């Protein structure tokens, strides 16, 4: 025959298991889903950061190219002035 303390213990263990099941069902996402979403967010952040870095690097390269072309133009202009033939 089952005693009253045994019934109370069964009731409490059943109540705890129902509470655990309820809390797992009430979750919006499982822990695995949260892990996958966190990994994807991290990958997206790395991608966005690399695009920003690439854009800044491109601007630096274009600025250097412009200064280099300006220097070459000045050199060609000086050479033309030095070798110019004056016709009177």
PDB file of N, CA and C in Angstrom:
ATOM      1  N   UNK A   1       0.839  -1.178   0.000  1.00  0.00           N
ATOM      2  CA  UNK A   1       0.000   0.000   0.000  1.00  0.00           C
ATOM      3  C   UNK A   1       0.889   1.248   0.000  1.00  0.00           C
ATOM      4  N   UNK A   2       0.474   2.290  -0.709  1.00  0.00           N
ATOM      5  CA  UNK A   2       1.241   3.521  -0.854  1.00  0.00           C
ATOM      6  C   UNK A   2       0.903   4.439   0.311  1.00  0.00           C
ATOM      7  N   UNK A   3       1.928   4.963   0.950  1.00  0.00           N
ATOM      8  CA  UNK A   3       1.697   5.852   2.083  1.00  0.00           C
ATOM      9  C   UNK A   3       1.539   7.294   1.600  1.00  0.00           C
ATOM     10  N   UNK A   4       1.098   8.158   2.483  1.00  0.00           N
ATOM     11  CA  UNK A   4       0.860   9.562   2.151  1.00  0.00           C
ATOM     12  C   UNK A   4       2.166  10.271   1.781  1.00  0.00           C
ATOM     13  N   UNK A   5       3.272  10.077   2.485  1.00  0.00           N
ATOM     14  CA  UNK A   5       4.522  10.741   2.059  1.00  0.00           C
ATOM     15  C   UNK A   5       4.960  10.328   0.663  1.00  0.00           C
ATOM     16  N   UNK A   6       4.710   9.058   0.295  1.00  0.00           N
ATOM     17  CA  UNK A   6       5.056   8.613  -1.059  1.00  0.00           C
ATOM     18  C   UNK A   6       4.221   9.342  -2.095  1.00  0.00           C
ATOM     19  N   UNK A   7       2.953   9.531  -1.819  1.00  0.00           N
ATOM     20  CA  UNK A   7       2.063  10.242  -2.742  1.00  0.00           C
ATOM     21  C   UNK A   7       2.500  11.691  -2.870  1.00  0.00           C
ATOM     22  N   UNK A   8       2.867  12.318  -1.744  1.00  0.00           N
ATOM     23  CA  UNK A   8       3.316  13.715  -1.786  1.00  0.00           C
ATOM     24  C   UNK A   8       4.604  13.840  -2.601  1.00  0.00           C
ATOM     25  N   UNK A   9       5.520  12.886  -2.444  1.00  0.00           N
ATOM     26  CA  UNK A   9       6.772  12.916  -3.186  1.00  0.00           C
ATOM     27  C   UNK A   9       6.507  12.760  -4.682  1.00  0.00           C
ATOM     28  N   UNK A  10       5.608  11.846  -5.050  1.00  0.00           N
ATOM     29  CA  UNK A  10       5.254  11.665  -6.462  1.00  0.00           C
ATOM     30  C   UNK A  10       4.608  12.921  -7.022  1.00  0.00           C
ATOM     31  N   UNK A  11       3.737  13.544  -6.233  1.00  0.00           N
ATOM     32  CA  UNK A  11       3.060  14.761  -6.686  1.00  0.00           C
ATOM     33  C   UNK A  11       4.069  15.883  -6.914  1.00  0.00           C
ATOM     34  N   UNK A  12       5.028  16.044  -5.977  1.00  0.00           N
ATOM     35  CA  UNK A  12       6.021  17.106  -6.100  1.00  0.00           C
ATOM     36  C   UNK A  12       6.948  16.858  -7.293  1.00  0.00           C
ATOM     37  N   UNK A  13       7.380  15.615  -7.487  1.00  0.00           N
ATOM     38  CA  UNK A  13       8.260  15.332  -8.624  1.00  0.00           C
ATOM     39  C   UNK A  13       7.522  15.533  -9.943  1.00  0.00           C
ATOM     40  N   UNK A  14       6.242  15.173  -9.990  1.00  0.00           N
ATOM     41  CA  UNK A  14       5.446  15.399 -11.198  1.00  0.00           C
ATOM     42  C   UNK A  14       5.256  16.891 -11.443  1.00  0.00           C
ATOM     43  N   UNK A  15       5.066  17.644 -10.363  1.00  0.00           N
ATOM     44  CA  UNK A  15       4.885  19.085 -10.474  1.00  0.00           C
ATOM     45  C   UNK A  15       6.160  19.751 -11.000  1.00  0.00           C
ATOM     46  N   UNK A  16       7.309  19.310 -10.511  1.00  0.00           N
ATOM     47  CA  UNK A  16       8.592  19.859 -10.963  1.00  0.00           C
ATOM     48  C   UNK A  16       8.810  19.536 -12.438  1.00  0.00           C
ATOM     49  N   UNK A  17       8.517  18.304 -12.841  1.00  0.00           N
ATOM     50  CA  UNK A  17       8.716  17.944 -14.244  1.00  0.00           C
ATOM     51  C   UNK A  17       7.769  18.720 -15.148  1.00  0.00           C
ATOM     52  N   UNK A  18       6.545  18.969 -14.694  1.00  0.00           N
ATOM     53  CA  UNK A  18       5.620  19.770 -15.494  1.00  0.00           C
ATOM     54  C   UNK A  18       6.100  21.209 -15.605  1.00  0.00           C
ATOM     55  N   UNK A  19       6.694  21.739 -14.537  1.00  0.00           N
ATOM     56  CA  UNK A  19       7.212  23.105 -14.580  1.00  0.00           C
ATOM     57  C   UNK A  19       8.397  23.201 -15.538  1.00  0.00           C
ATOM     58  N   UNK A  20       9.262  22.184 -15.541  1.00  0.00           N
ATOM     59  CA  UNK A  20      10.390  22.177 -16.472  1.00  0.00           C
ATOM     60  C   UNK A  20       9.901  22.115 -17.913  1.00  0.00           C
ATOM     61  N   UNK A  21       8.927  21.256 -18.169  1.00  0.00           N
ATOM     62  CA  UNK A  21       8.384  21.143 -19.524  1.00  0.00           C
ATOM     63  C   UNK A  21       7.716  22.436 -19.948  1.00  0.00           C
ATOM     64  N   UNK A  22       7.030  23.069 -19.037  1.00  0.00           N
ATOM     65  CA  UNK A  22       6.339  24.309 -19.356  1.00  0.00           C
ATOM     66  C   UNK A  22       7.355  25.402 -19.670  1.00  0.00           C
ATOM     67  N   UNK A  23       8.442  25.483 -18.881  1.00  0.00           N
ATOM     68  CA  UNK A  23       9.436  26.524 -19.137  1.00  0.00           C
ATOM     69  C   UNK A  23      10.146  26.282 -20.468  1.00  0.00           C
ATOM     70  N   UNK A  24      10.366  25.024 -20.840  1.00  0.00           N
ATOM     71  CA  UNK A  24      10.987  24.738 -22.135  1.00  0.00           C
ATOM     72  C   UNK A  24      10.031  25.049 -23.280  1.00  0.00           C
ATOM     73  N   UNK A  25       8.757  24.824 -23.088  1.00  0.00           N
ATOM     74  CA  UNK A  25       7.779  25.115 -24.145  1.00  0.00           C
ATOM     75  C   UNK A  25       7.544  26.611 -24.273  1.00  0.00           C
ATOM     76  N   UNK A  26       7.684  27.349 -23.163  1.00  0.00           N
ATOM     77  CA  UNK A  26       7.441  28.787 -23.191  1.00  0.00           C
ATOM     78  C   UNK A  26       8.593  29.566 -23.815  1.00  0.00           C
ATOM     79  N   UNK A  27       9.738  28.944 -23.996  1.00  0.00           N
ATOM     80  CA  UNK A  27      10.865  29.632 -24.602  1.00  0.00           C
ATOM     81  C   UNK A  27      10.557  29.966 -26.054  1.00  0.00           C
ATOM     82  N   UNK A  28      11.065  31.129 -26.471  1.00  0.00           N
ATOM     83  CA  UNK A  28      10.881  31.531 -27.860  1.00  0.00           C
ATOM     84  C   UNK A  28      11.793  30.725 -28.775  1.00  0.00           C
ATOM     85  N   UNK A  29      13.062  30.561 -28.363  1.00  0.00           N
ATOM     86  CA  UNK A  29      14.028  29.795 -29.135  1.00  0.00           C
ATOM     87  C   UNK A  29      14.760  28.843 -28.204  1.00  0.00           C
ATOM     88  N   UNK A  30      15.222  27.745 -28.743  1.00  0.00           N
ATOM     89  CA  UNK A  30      16.010  26.810 -27.942  1.00  0.00           C
ATOM     90  C   UNK A  30      17.429  27.344 -27.804  1.00  0.00           C
ATOM     91  N   UNK A  31      18.196  26.746 -26.904  1.00  0.00           N
ATOM     92  CA  UNK A  31      19.569  27.211 -26.693  1.00  0.00           C
ATOM     93  C   UNK A  31      20.425  26.987 -27.939  1.00  0.00           C
ATOM     94  N   UNK A  32      20.140  25.936 -28.685  1.00  0.00           N
ATOM     95  CA  UNK A  32      20.888  25.688 -29.919  1.00  0.00           C
ATOM     96  C   UNK A  32      20.589  26.779 -30.950  1.00  0.00           C
ATOM     97  N   UNK A  33      19.338  27.193 -31.031  1.00  0.00           N
ATOM     98  CA  UNK A  33      18.966  28.257 -31.961  1.00  0.00           C
ATOM     99  C   UNK A  33      19.656  29.563 -31.577  1.00  0.00           C
ATOM    100  N   UNK A  34      19.710  29.857 -30.270  1.00  0.00           N
ATOM    101  CA  UNK A  34      20.404  31.063 -29.813  1.00  0.00           C
ATOM    102  C   UNK A  34      21.880  30.999 -30.184  1.00  0.00           C
ATOM    103  N   UNK A  35      22.489  29.833 -30.055  1.00  0.00           N
ATOM    104  CA  UNK A  35      23.893  29.685 -30.413  1.00  0.00           C
ATOM    105  C   UNK A  35      24.135  29.916 -31.895  1.00  0.00           C
ATOM    106  N   UNK A  36      23.260  29.380 -32.718  1.00  0.00           N
ATOM    107  CA  UNK A  36      23.386  29.569 -34.170  1.00  0.00           C
ATOM    108  C   UNK A  36      23.190  31.031 -34.539  1.00  0.00           C
ATOM    109  N   UNK A  37      22.199  31.678 -33.922  1.00  0.00           N
ATOM    110  CA  UNK A  37      21.955  33.094 -34.219  1.00  0.00           C
ATOM    111  C   UNK A  37      23.126  33.963 -33.750  1.00  0.00           C
ATOM    112  N   UNK A  38      23.726  33.628 -32.611  1.00  0.00           N
ATOM    113  CA  UNK A  38      24.881  34.377 -32.117  1.00  0.00           C
ATOM    114  C   UNK A  38      26.065  34.208 -33.067  1.00  0.00           C
ATOM    115  N   UNK A  39      26.291  32.997 -33.528  1.00  0.00           N
ATOM    116  CA  UNK A  39      27.371  32.742 -34.485  1.00  0.00           C
ATOM    117  C   UNK A  39      27.149  33.536 -35.775  1.00  0.00           C
ATOM    118  N   UNK A  40      25.920  33.537 -36.289  1.00  0.00           N
ATOM    119  CA  UNK A  40      25.616  34.273 -37.519  1.00  0.00           C
ATOM    120  C   UNK A  40      25.752  35.778 -37.313  1.00  0.00           C
ATOM    121  N   UNK A  41      25.360  36.277 -36.149  1.00  0.00           N
ATOM    122  CA  UNK A  41      25.510  37.707 -35.872  1.00  0.00           C
ATOM    123  C   UNK A  41      26.984  38.083 -35.821  1.00  0.00           C
ATOM    124  N   UNK A  42      27.807  37.216 -35.226  1.00  0.00           N
ATOM    125  CA  UNK A  42      29.247  37.454 -35.173  1.00  0.00           C
ATOM    126  C   UNK A  42      29.836  37.471 -36.582  1.00  0.00           C
ATOM    127  N   UNK A  43      29.432  36.529 -37.414  1.00  0.00           N
ATOM    128  CA  UNK A  43      29.922  36.483 -38.796  1.00  0.00           C
ATOM    129  C   UNK A  43      29.486  37.726 -39.568  1.00  0.00           C
ATOM    130  N   UNK A  44      28.273  38.180 -39.341  1.00  0.00           N
ATOM    131  CA  UNK A  44      27.774  39.390 -40.013  1.00  0.00           C
ATOM    132  C   UNK A  44      28.555  40.618 -39.563  1.00  0.00           C
ATOM    133  N   UNK A  45      28.889  40.678 -38.281  1.00  0.00           N
ATOM    134  CA  UNK A  45      29.676  41.800 -37.770  1.00  0.00           C
ATOM    135  C   UNK A  45      31.070  41.816 -38.393  1.00  0.00           C
ATOM    136  N   UNK A  46      31.671  40.649 -38.541  1.00  0.00           N
ATOM    137  CA  UNK A  46      32.994  40.566 -39.181  1.00  0.00           C
ATOM    138  C   UNK A  46      32.897  41.017 -40.638  1.00  0.00           C
ATOM    139  N   UNK A  47      31.856  40.594 -41.332  1.00  0.00           N
ATOM    140  CA  UNK A  47      31.671  41.002 -42.730  1.00  0.00           C
ATOM    141  C   UNK A  47      31.494  42.509 -42.844  1.00  0.00           C
ATOM    142  N   UNK A  48      30.666  43.090 -41.995  1.00  0.00           N
ATOM    143  CA  UNK A  48      30.441  44.541 -42.038  1.00  0.00           C
ATOM    144  C   UNK A  48      31.724  45.291 -41.720  1.00  0.00           C
ATOM    145  N   UNK A  49      32.469  44.813 -40.737  1.00  0.00           N
ATOM    146  CA  UNK A  49      33.736  45.458 -40.393  1.00  0.00           C
ATOM    147  C   UNK A  49      34.744  45.394 -41.522  1.00  0.00           C
ATOM    148  N   UNK A  50      34.792  44.262 -42.200  1.00  0.00           N
ATOM    149  CA  UNK A  50      35.741  44.130 -43.308  1.00  0.00           C
ATOM    150  C   UNK A  50      35.345  45.030 -44.479  1.00  0.00           C
ATOM    151  N   UNK A  51      34.054  45.208 -44.715  1.00  0.00           N
ATOM    152  CA  UNK A  51      33.622  46.116 -45.784  1.00  0.00           C
ATOM    153  C   UNK A  51      33.984  47.560 -45.462  1.00  0.00           C
ATOM    154  N   UNK A  52      33.823  47.949 -44.210  1.00  0.00           N
ATOM    155  CA  UNK A  52      34.192  49.311 -43.804  1.00  0.00           C
ATOM    156  C   UNK A  52      35.698  49.502 -43.941  1.00  0.00           C
ATOM    157  N   UNK A  53      36.464  48.508 -43.497  1.00  0.00           N
ATOM    158  CA  UNK A  53      37.921  48.589 -43.614  1.00  0.00           C
ATOM    159  C   UNK A  53      38.339  48.669 -45.083  1.00  0.00           C
ATOM    160  N   UNK A  54      37.732  47.869 -45.944  1.00  0.00           N
ATOM    161  CA  UNK A  54      38.083  47.875 -47.365  1.00  0.00           C
ATOM    162  C   UNK A  54      37.765  49.225 -47.998  1.00  0.00           C
ATOM    163  N   UNK A  55      36.646  49.828 -47.604  1.00  0.00           N
ATOM    164  CA  UNK A  55      36.278  51.134 -48.151  1.00  0.00           C
ATOM    165  C   UNK A  55      37.299  52.187 -47.738  1.00  0.00           C
ATOM    166  N   UNK A  56      37.710  52.167 -46.469  1.00  0.00           N
ATOM    167  CA  UNK A  56      38.724  53.118 -45.999  1.00  0.00           C
ATOM    168  C   UNK A  56      40.054  52.891 -46.709  1.00  0.00           C
ATOM    169  N   UNK A  57      40.432  51.643 -46.887  1.00  0.00           N
ATOM    170  CA  UNK A  57      41.687  51.325 -47.569  1.00  0.00           C
ATOM    171  C   UNK A  57      41.641  51.791 -49.029  1.00  0.00           C
ATOM    172  N   UNK A  58      40.486  51.640 -49.668  1.00  0.00           N
ATOM    173  CA  UNK A  58      40.320  52.098 -51.046  1.00  0.00           C
ATOM    174  C   UNK A  58      40.498  53.615 -51.119  1.00  0.00           C
ATOM    175  N   UNK A  59      39.942  54.343 -50.154  1.00  0.00           N
ATOM    176  CA  UNK A  59      40.099  55.798 -50.139  1.00  0.00           C
ATOM    177  C   UNK A  59      41.561  56.197 -49.971  1.00  0.00           C
ATOM    178  N   UNK A  60      42.293  55.481 -49.128  1.00  0.00           N
ATOM    179  CA  UNK A  60      43.715  55.767 -48.940  1.00  0.00           C
ATOM    180  C   UNK A  60      44.478  55.514 -50.240  1.00  0.00           C
ATOM    181  N   UNK A  61      44.181  54.415 -50.906  1.00  0.00           N
ATOM    182  CA  UNK A  61      44.861  54.107 -52.165  1.00  0.00           C
ATOM    183  C   UNK A  61      44.564  55.156 -53.237  1.00  0.00           C
ATOM    184  N   UNK A  62      43.321  55.590 -53.324  1.00  0.00           N
ATOM    185  CA  UNK A  62      42.973  56.611 -54.318  1.00  0.00           C
ATOM    186  C   UNK A  62      43.660  57.933 -54.020  1.00  0.00           C
ATOM    187  N   UNK A  63      43.774  58.290 -52.755  1.00  0.00           N
ATOM    188  CA  UNK A  63      44.457  59.534 -52.383  1.00  0.00           C
ATOM    189  C   UNK A  63      45.932  59.451 -52.748  1.00  0.00           C
ATOM    190  N   UNK A  64      46.568  58.323 -52.453  1.00  0.00           N
ATOM    191  CA  UNK A  64      47.982  58.141 -52.818  1.00  0.00           C
ATOM    192  C   UNK A  64      48.173  58.197 -54.329  1.00  0.00           C
ATOM    193  N   UNK A  65      47.265  57.587 -55.067  1.00  0.00           N
ATOM    194  CA  UNK A  65      47.343  57.602 -56.534  1.00  0.00           C
ATOM    195  C   UNK A  65      47.221  59.028 -57.067  1.00  0.00           C
ATOM    196  N   UNK A  66      46.311  59.804 -56.476  1.00  0.00           N
ATOM    197  CA  UNK A  66      46.131  61.186 -56.928  1.00  0.00           C
ATOM    198  C   UNK A  66      47.392  62.008 -56.675  1.00  0.00           C
ATOM    199  N   UNK A  67      48.003  61.848 -55.497  1.00  0.00           N
ATOM    200  CA  UNK A  67      49.240  62.581 -55.207  1.00  0.00           C
ATOM    201  C   UNK A  67      50.365  62.145 -56.139  1.00  0.00           C
ATOM    202  N   UNK A  68      50.431  60.866 -56.432  1.00  0.00           N
ATOM    203  CA  UNK A  68      51.469  60.364 -57.332  1.00  0.00           C
ATOM    204  C   UNK A  68      51.274  60.940 -58.747  1.00  0.00           C
ATOM    205  N   UNK A  69      50.046  60.962 -59.230  1.00  0.00           N
ATOM    206  CA  UNK A  69      49.785  61.522 -60.557  1.00  0.00           C
ATOM    207  C   UNK A  69      50.063  63.018 -60.594  1.00  0.00           C
ATOM    208  N   UNK A  70      49.761  63.701 -59.510  1.00  0.00           N
ATOM    209  CA  UNK A  70      50.048  65.136 -59.450  1.00  0.00           C
ATOM    210  C   UNK A  70      51.562  65.367 -59.509  1.00  0.00           C
ATOM    211  N   UNK A  71      52.318  64.555 -58.806  1.00  0.00           N
ATOM    212  CA  UNK A  71      53.789  64.666 -58.843  1.00  0.00           C
ATOM    213  C   UNK A  71      54.331  64.393 -60.232  1.00  0.00           C
ATOM    214  N   UNK A  72      53.781  63.374 -60.912  1.00  0.00           N
ATOM    215  CA  UNK A  72      54.225  63.077 -62.278  1.00  0.00           C
ATOM    216  C   UNK A  72      53.888  64.227 -63.221  1.00  0.00           C
ATOM    217  N   UNK A  73      52.715  64.816 -63.057  1.00  0.00           N
ATOM    218  CA  UNK A  73      52.311  65.935 -63.922  1.00  0.00           C
ATOM    219  C   UNK A  73      53.248  67.129 -63.721  1.00  0.00           C
ATOM    220  N   UNK A  74      53.625  67.374 -62.462  1.00  0.00           N
ATOM    221  CA  UNK A  74      54.547  68.473 -62.194  1.00  0.00           C
ATOM    222  C   UNK A  74      55.916  68.188 -62.816  1.00  0.00           C
ATOM    223  N   UNK A  75      56.363  66.952 -62.736  1.00  0.00           N
ATOM    224  CA  UNK A  75      57.650  66.576 -63.327  1.00  0.00           C
ATOM    225  C   UNK A  75      57.617  66.751 -64.846  1.00  0.00           C
ATOM    226  N   UNK A  76      56.549  66.324 -65.494  1.00  0.00           N
ATOM    227  CA  UNK A  76      56.423  66.496 -66.948  1.00  0.00           C
ATOM    228  C   UNK A  76      56.358  67.969 -67.322  1.00  0.00           C
ATOM    229  N   UNK A  77      55.656  68.756 -66.518  1.00  0.00           N
ATOM    230  CA  UNK A  77      55.558  70.192 -66.814  1.00  0.00           C
ATOM    231  C   UNK A  77      56.917  70.857 -66.687  1.00  0.00           C
ATOM    232  N   UNK A  78      57.692  70.517 -65.657  1.00  0.00           N
ATOM    233  CA  UNK A  78      59.030  71.086 -65.491  1.00  0.00           C
ATOM    234  C   UNK A  78      59.933  70.682 -66.651  1.00  0.00           C
ATOM    235  N   UNK A  79      59.813  69.427 -67.082  1.00  0.00           N
ATOM    236  CA  UNK A  79      60.641  68.950 -68.200  1.00  0.00           C
ATOM    237  C   UNK A  79      60.289  69.699 -69.474  1.00  0.00           C
ATOM    238  N   UNK A  80      59.009  69.916 -69.716  1.00  0.00           N
ATOM    239  CA  UNK A  80      58.602  70.671 -70.909  1.00  0.00           C
ATOM    240  C   UNK A  80      59.114  72.108 -70.864  1.00  0.00           C
ATOM    241  N   UNK A  81      59.058  72.717 -69.692  1.00  0.00           N
ATOM    242  CA  UNK A  81      59.526  74.119 -69.581  1.00  0.00           C
ATOM    243  C   UNK A  81      61.037  74.178 -69.823  1.00  0.00           C
ATOM    244  N   UNK A  82      61.774  73.215 -69.264  1.00  0.00           N
ATOM    245  CA  UNK A  82      63.234  73.232 -69.426  1.00  0.00           C
ATOM    246  C   UNK A  82      63.629  72.979 -70.895  1.00  0.00           C
ATOM    247  N   UNK A  83      62.907  72.161 -71.610  1.00  0.00           N
ATOM    248  CA  UNK A  83      63.281  71.812 -72.969  1.00  0.00           C
ATOM    249  C   UNK A  83      62.511  72.587 -74.027  1.00  0.00           C
ATOM    250  N   UNK A  84      61.818  73.588 -73.589  1.00  0.00           N
ATOM    251  CA  UNK A  84      61.033  74.362 -74.547  1.00  0.00           C
ATOM    252  C   UNK A  84      61.943  75.193 -75.447  1.00  0.00           C
ATOM    253  N   UNK A  85      61.539  75.310 -76.695  1.00  0.00           N
ATOM    254  CA  UNK A  85      62.286  76.098 -77.660  1.00  0.00           C
ATOM    255  C   UNK A  85      61.499  77.374 -77.881  1.00  0.00           C
ATOM    256  N   UNK A  86      62.167  78.473 -77.646  1.00  0.00           N
ATOM    257  CA  UNK A  86      61.502  79.763 -77.798  1.00  0.00           C
ATOM    258  C   UNK A  86      61.751  80.257 -79.238  1.00  0.00           C
ATOM    259  N   UNK A  87      60.696  80.551 -79.925  1.00  0.00           N
ATOM    260  CA  UNK A  87      60.787  81.034 -81.300  1.00  0.00           C
ATOM    261  C   UNK A  87      60.443  82.517 -81.306  1.00  0.00           C
ATOM    262  N   UNK A  88      61.384  83.306 -81.845  1.00  0.00           N
ATOM    263  CA  UNK A  88      61.115  84.763 -81.913  1.00  0.00           C
ATOM    264  C   UNK A  88      60.683  85.192 -83.257  1.00  0.00           C
TER     265      UNK A  88
END
